[in-house]
Protein backbone atom coordinates (compact mmCIF):
# COMPACT_ATOMS: atom_id res chain seq x y z
CA MET A 1 3.61 11.59 19.96
CA GLU A 2 1.74 8.64 18.43
CA PRO A 3 3.60 5.34 18.09
CA ILE A 4 5.23 4.77 14.71
CA LEU A 5 3.12 2.46 12.56
CA LYS A 6 4.69 -0.86 11.60
CA ILE A 7 3.67 -1.46 7.99
CA GLY A 8 4.38 -4.72 6.17
CA HIS A 9 5.51 -4.15 2.57
CA ARG A 10 3.45 -6.34 0.23
CA GLY A 11 2.77 -8.43 3.31
CA ALA A 12 6.09 -9.63 4.68
CA LYS A 13 7.98 -9.60 1.39
CA GLY A 14 11.30 -10.42 2.99
CA HIS A 15 9.94 -13.72 4.30
CA ILE A 16 7.27 -15.01 1.89
CA ALA A 17 6.33 -14.24 -1.73
CA GLU A 18 5.04 -10.67 -1.99
CA ASN A 19 1.35 -9.78 -2.23
CA THR A 20 0.12 -13.26 -1.34
CA LEU A 21 -2.27 -14.20 1.45
CA GLU A 22 0.52 -16.24 3.03
CA SER A 23 2.84 -13.22 3.07
CA ILE A 24 0.07 -11.10 4.55
CA GLU A 25 -0.56 -13.72 7.23
CA LYS A 26 3.14 -13.72 8.09
CA ALA A 27 3.03 -9.94 8.51
CA LEU A 28 0.03 -10.29 10.80
CA GLU A 29 1.90 -12.88 12.86
CA LEU A 30 4.68 -10.30 13.18
CA GLN A 31 2.12 -7.88 14.66
CA VAL A 32 2.05 -5.17 12.02
CA ASP A 33 -0.27 -2.20 12.37
CA ALA A 34 -0.94 -2.12 8.63
CA ILE A 35 -0.20 -3.97 5.42
CA GLU A 36 0.69 -2.38 2.08
CA VAL A 37 -0.48 -4.09 -1.11
CA ASP A 38 -0.58 -3.18 -4.81
CA VAL A 39 -3.61 -3.47 -7.09
CA HIS A 40 -4.18 -3.76 -10.82
CA ARG A 41 -7.44 -4.11 -12.72
CA CYS A 42 -7.53 -7.18 -14.92
CA ARG A 43 -9.41 -7.44 -18.21
CA SER A 44 -12.56 -8.88 -16.63
CA GLY A 45 -12.67 -5.99 -14.14
CA GLU A 46 -11.52 -7.52 -10.87
CA LEU A 47 -8.87 -5.84 -8.73
CA VAL A 48 -5.98 -8.22 -8.29
CA VAL A 49 -3.17 -7.86 -5.79
CA ILE A 50 0.15 -7.90 -7.63
CA HIS A 51 2.94 -5.37 -8.01
CA ASP A 52 4.13 -5.41 -11.62
CA PHE A 53 2.18 -4.48 -14.72
CA THR A 54 3.18 -7.87 -16.14
CA LEU A 55 3.08 -11.41 -14.81
CA ASP A 56 6.57 -12.50 -15.78
CA ARG A 57 8.64 -11.67 -12.67
CA THR A 58 6.49 -13.15 -9.92
CA THR A 59 4.33 -15.84 -11.57
CA ASP A 60 4.52 -18.75 -14.00
CA GLY A 61 2.49 -16.70 -16.48
CA SER A 62 3.45 -13.95 -18.88
CA GLY A 63 2.02 -10.81 -20.43
CA GLU A 64 0.17 -7.76 -19.16
CA ILE A 65 -2.26 -8.15 -16.28
CA ALA A 66 -4.66 -5.68 -17.89
CA LYS A 67 -4.99 -8.08 -20.84
CA ARG A 68 -5.75 -11.19 -18.77
CA ASP A 69 -9.06 -12.31 -17.27
CA TRP A 70 -9.41 -13.32 -13.63
CA GLU A 71 -10.22 -16.91 -14.65
CA MET A 72 -6.76 -17.16 -16.18
CA LEU A 73 -4.95 -15.24 -13.44
CA LYS A 74 -6.29 -17.39 -10.63
CA SER A 75 -4.85 -20.49 -12.28
CA LEU A 76 -1.29 -19.14 -12.06
CA THR A 77 1.17 -19.73 -9.26
CA VAL A 78 3.42 -17.18 -7.57
CA GLU A 79 6.93 -18.49 -6.87
CA GLU A 80 5.63 -22.03 -7.50
CA HIS A 81 3.60 -22.23 -4.28
CA TYR A 82 1.15 -19.35 -3.95
CA LYS A 83 -1.79 -17.69 -5.71
CA ILE A 84 -2.59 -14.15 -6.86
CA PRO A 85 -5.34 -12.87 -4.53
CA LEU A 86 -8.17 -10.47 -5.21
CA LEU A 87 -8.28 -7.27 -3.17
CA THR A 88 -11.53 -8.51 -1.62
CA GLU A 89 -9.81 -11.72 -0.51
CA VAL A 90 -7.08 -9.68 1.18
CA LEU A 91 -9.66 -7.51 2.97
CA ASP A 92 -11.59 -10.58 4.10
CA HIS A 93 -8.37 -12.12 5.41
CA ILE A 94 -7.20 -9.17 7.50
CA GLU A 95 -10.60 -7.83 8.61
CA GLY A 96 -10.38 -6.51 12.15
CA ARG A 97 -6.69 -7.41 12.49
CA CYS A 98 -4.90 -4.38 11.04
CA LYS A 99 -5.20 -1.40 8.70
CA ILE A 100 -4.42 -1.49 4.98
CA ASN A 101 -2.52 0.71 2.54
CA ILE A 102 -3.81 0.05 -0.98
CA GLU A 103 -1.45 1.30 -3.67
CA LEU A 104 -3.17 2.01 -6.98
CA LYS A 105 -0.48 0.58 -9.20
CA GLY A 106 -2.42 -0.03 -12.40
CA LEU A 107 -4.58 2.21 -14.56
CA ASN A 108 -8.32 2.62 -13.93
CA THR A 109 -8.11 1.25 -10.41
CA ALA A 110 -9.54 4.17 -8.42
CA ASP A 111 -13.26 3.70 -9.09
CA GLU A 112 -13.36 0.00 -8.27
CA THR A 113 -11.18 0.49 -5.20
CA ALA A 114 -13.53 3.20 -3.91
CA GLU A 115 -16.51 0.93 -4.55
CA ILE A 116 -14.92 -1.93 -2.62
CA ILE A 117 -14.00 0.36 0.28
CA HIS A 118 -17.58 1.62 0.44
CA ARG A 119 -18.92 -1.92 0.42
CA TYR A 120 -16.69 -3.04 3.27
CA ILE A 121 -17.43 0.02 5.38
CA GLU A 122 -21.15 -0.48 4.86
CA LYS A 123 -20.82 -4.05 6.15
CA GLY A 124 -19.80 -2.50 9.45
CA ASN A 125 -16.44 -4.10 10.17
CA TRP A 126 -14.26 -1.41 8.57
CA GLU A 127 -13.95 2.35 9.00
CA TYR A 128 -12.48 4.99 6.72
CA SER A 129 -9.55 5.33 9.11
CA ASP A 130 -8.62 1.68 8.44
CA PHE A 131 -7.70 2.57 4.86
CA ILE A 132 -5.15 4.70 3.09
CA VAL A 133 -5.01 4.71 -0.69
CA SER A 134 -1.69 5.71 -2.25
CA SER A 135 -0.31 6.02 -5.76
CA PHE A 136 2.39 7.51 -7.94
CA GLN A 137 -0.33 8.14 -10.52
CA LYS A 138 -1.86 11.57 -10.06
CA ASN A 139 -4.89 10.78 -12.21
CA GLU A 140 -5.84 7.83 -10.02
CA LEU A 141 -5.49 9.89 -6.84
CA PHE A 142 -7.61 12.71 -8.24
CA GLN A 143 -10.24 10.19 -9.35
CA MET A 144 -10.26 8.63 -5.90
CA ARG A 145 -10.72 12.05 -4.32
CA LYS A 146 -13.59 12.71 -6.75
CA ASP A 147 -15.18 9.39 -5.86
CA ASP A 148 -15.08 10.05 -2.11
CA ASP A 149 -13.42 12.86 -0.17
CA ARG A 150 -13.49 10.77 3.02
CA ILE A 151 -11.01 8.13 1.86
CA PRO A 152 -7.53 8.93 3.23
CA LEU A 153 -4.96 9.43 0.47
CA GLY A 154 -1.18 9.07 0.46
CA VAL A 155 1.03 10.72 -2.15
CA LEU A 156 3.90 8.47 -3.17
CA SER A 157 7.19 10.05 -4.18
CA LYS A 158 10.69 8.95 -5.08
CA ALA A 159 11.71 12.39 -6.38
CA SER A 160 10.74 15.28 -4.10
CA VAL A 161 9.01 15.52 -0.74
CA SER A 162 8.23 19.21 -1.29
CA GLU A 163 6.49 18.45 -4.61
CA ALA A 164 4.55 15.64 -2.94
CA VAL A 165 3.46 18.07 -0.22
CA GLU A 166 2.15 20.53 -2.80
CA LEU A 167 0.23 17.78 -4.59
CA GLY A 168 -1.05 16.54 -1.26
CA LYS A 169 -2.53 19.96 -0.55
CA TYR A 170 -4.51 19.89 -3.81
CA LEU A 171 -5.72 16.39 -3.09
CA LYS A 172 -6.48 17.06 0.57
CA ALA A 173 -4.37 13.98 1.24
CA SER A 174 -3.63 12.60 4.68
CA ALA A 175 -0.06 11.44 4.18
CA ILE A 176 3.11 11.67 2.13
CA HIS A 177 4.85 8.39 1.28
CA PRO A 178 8.47 9.20 0.33
CA SER A 179 11.16 6.69 -0.56
CA LEU A 180 13.99 6.18 1.89
CA GLY A 181 16.39 7.61 -0.69
CA ILE A 182 14.91 11.12 -0.66
CA ILE A 183 13.91 11.61 2.94
CA THR A 184 15.70 14.00 5.28
CA ARG A 185 15.03 15.31 8.74
CA ASP A 186 14.05 18.65 7.23
CA SER A 187 11.68 17.10 4.67
CA VAL A 188 9.91 15.15 7.40
CA LYS A 189 9.45 18.39 9.32
CA LEU A 190 8.23 20.16 6.16
CA ALA A 191 5.57 17.51 5.55
CA ARG A 192 4.48 17.26 9.16
CA ASP A 193 4.31 21.04 9.58
CA ALA A 194 2.02 21.07 6.52
CA GLY A 195 -0.31 18.66 8.31
CA PHE A 196 0.67 15.40 6.64
CA LYS A 197 1.71 12.12 8.16
CA VAL A 198 4.92 10.66 6.74
CA ASN A 199 5.12 6.95 5.93
CA VAL A 200 8.51 6.02 4.47
CA TRP A 201 9.38 3.06 2.22
CA THR A 202 11.12 0.63 1.93
CA VAL A 203 13.18 0.52 5.13
CA ASN A 204 14.90 -2.79 5.84
CA GLU A 205 18.28 -2.11 7.43
CA PRO A 206 18.37 -1.61 11.22
CA LYS A 207 20.46 1.57 10.94
CA ASP A 208 17.93 3.08 8.52
CA ILE A 209 15.04 2.06 10.75
CA GLU A 210 16.68 3.83 13.68
CA ARG A 211 17.33 6.91 11.55
CA MET A 212 13.68 7.10 10.46
CA LYS A 213 12.57 6.82 14.06
CA GLU A 214 14.92 9.66 14.93
CA PHE A 215 13.53 11.77 12.06
CA GLY A 216 10.04 11.43 13.55
CA VAL A 217 8.19 9.64 10.74
CA ASN A 218 4.68 8.33 11.38
CA GLY A 219 5.05 4.95 9.69
CA ILE A 220 7.77 2.67 8.38
CA ILE A 221 7.07 0.32 5.49
CA SER A 222 9.40 -2.70 5.57
CA ASP A 223 9.91 -6.06 3.88
CA PHE A 224 10.91 -7.34 7.33
CA PRO A 225 8.25 -6.24 9.82
CA ASP A 226 10.01 -8.24 12.53
CA ARG A 227 12.80 -5.65 12.44
CA LEU A 228 10.33 -2.94 13.48
CA ASN A 229 10.65 -4.05 17.08
CA TRP A 230 9.53 -1.19 19.30
């Protein structure tokens, strides 16, 4: 059996402000196999790495990201010390050091994400297997599959693993990404028997980490990658 992937949630969210280059660097220092980040498309078209649809929780700005230009967004600070990065800045930072899980959080993110992935693969330092693109938004996943059937997809779910498996079959996805709250030993077996890898989120407590290992998941997404110590 392949080793379980250690995946840093929004970098190393439990240590440094989420979705920042500094948090990503911390996750790399903790020897993750992959990093999970979230992307939104801002008004001027760039893909920015931030979780929420609005700026209010994590930055000193306010309002919807989709209604703000990159020039404005890059002037903001995250938790008083950090900056919102572009997806391209994240890829440049981790190139050759680990894989990446890009979650399409915002609307109209699939096309630009596919274009960026193509560009980085063409440069020669990335392969398709270095990426997995996940989302709760079916439309974005179907658009990504339309853009390129070689990009690995992950179906996010916090409701039903079996429903995620059925959607994954339509999408020809590579993985199912269930929340910790819905996963069972039987649902892991269901997904794996259907040919999907299972990457579970967000697993922070040692007892839950051990349980997921016992269930036979393929990857564990954690705010504290240092707790994934195997």
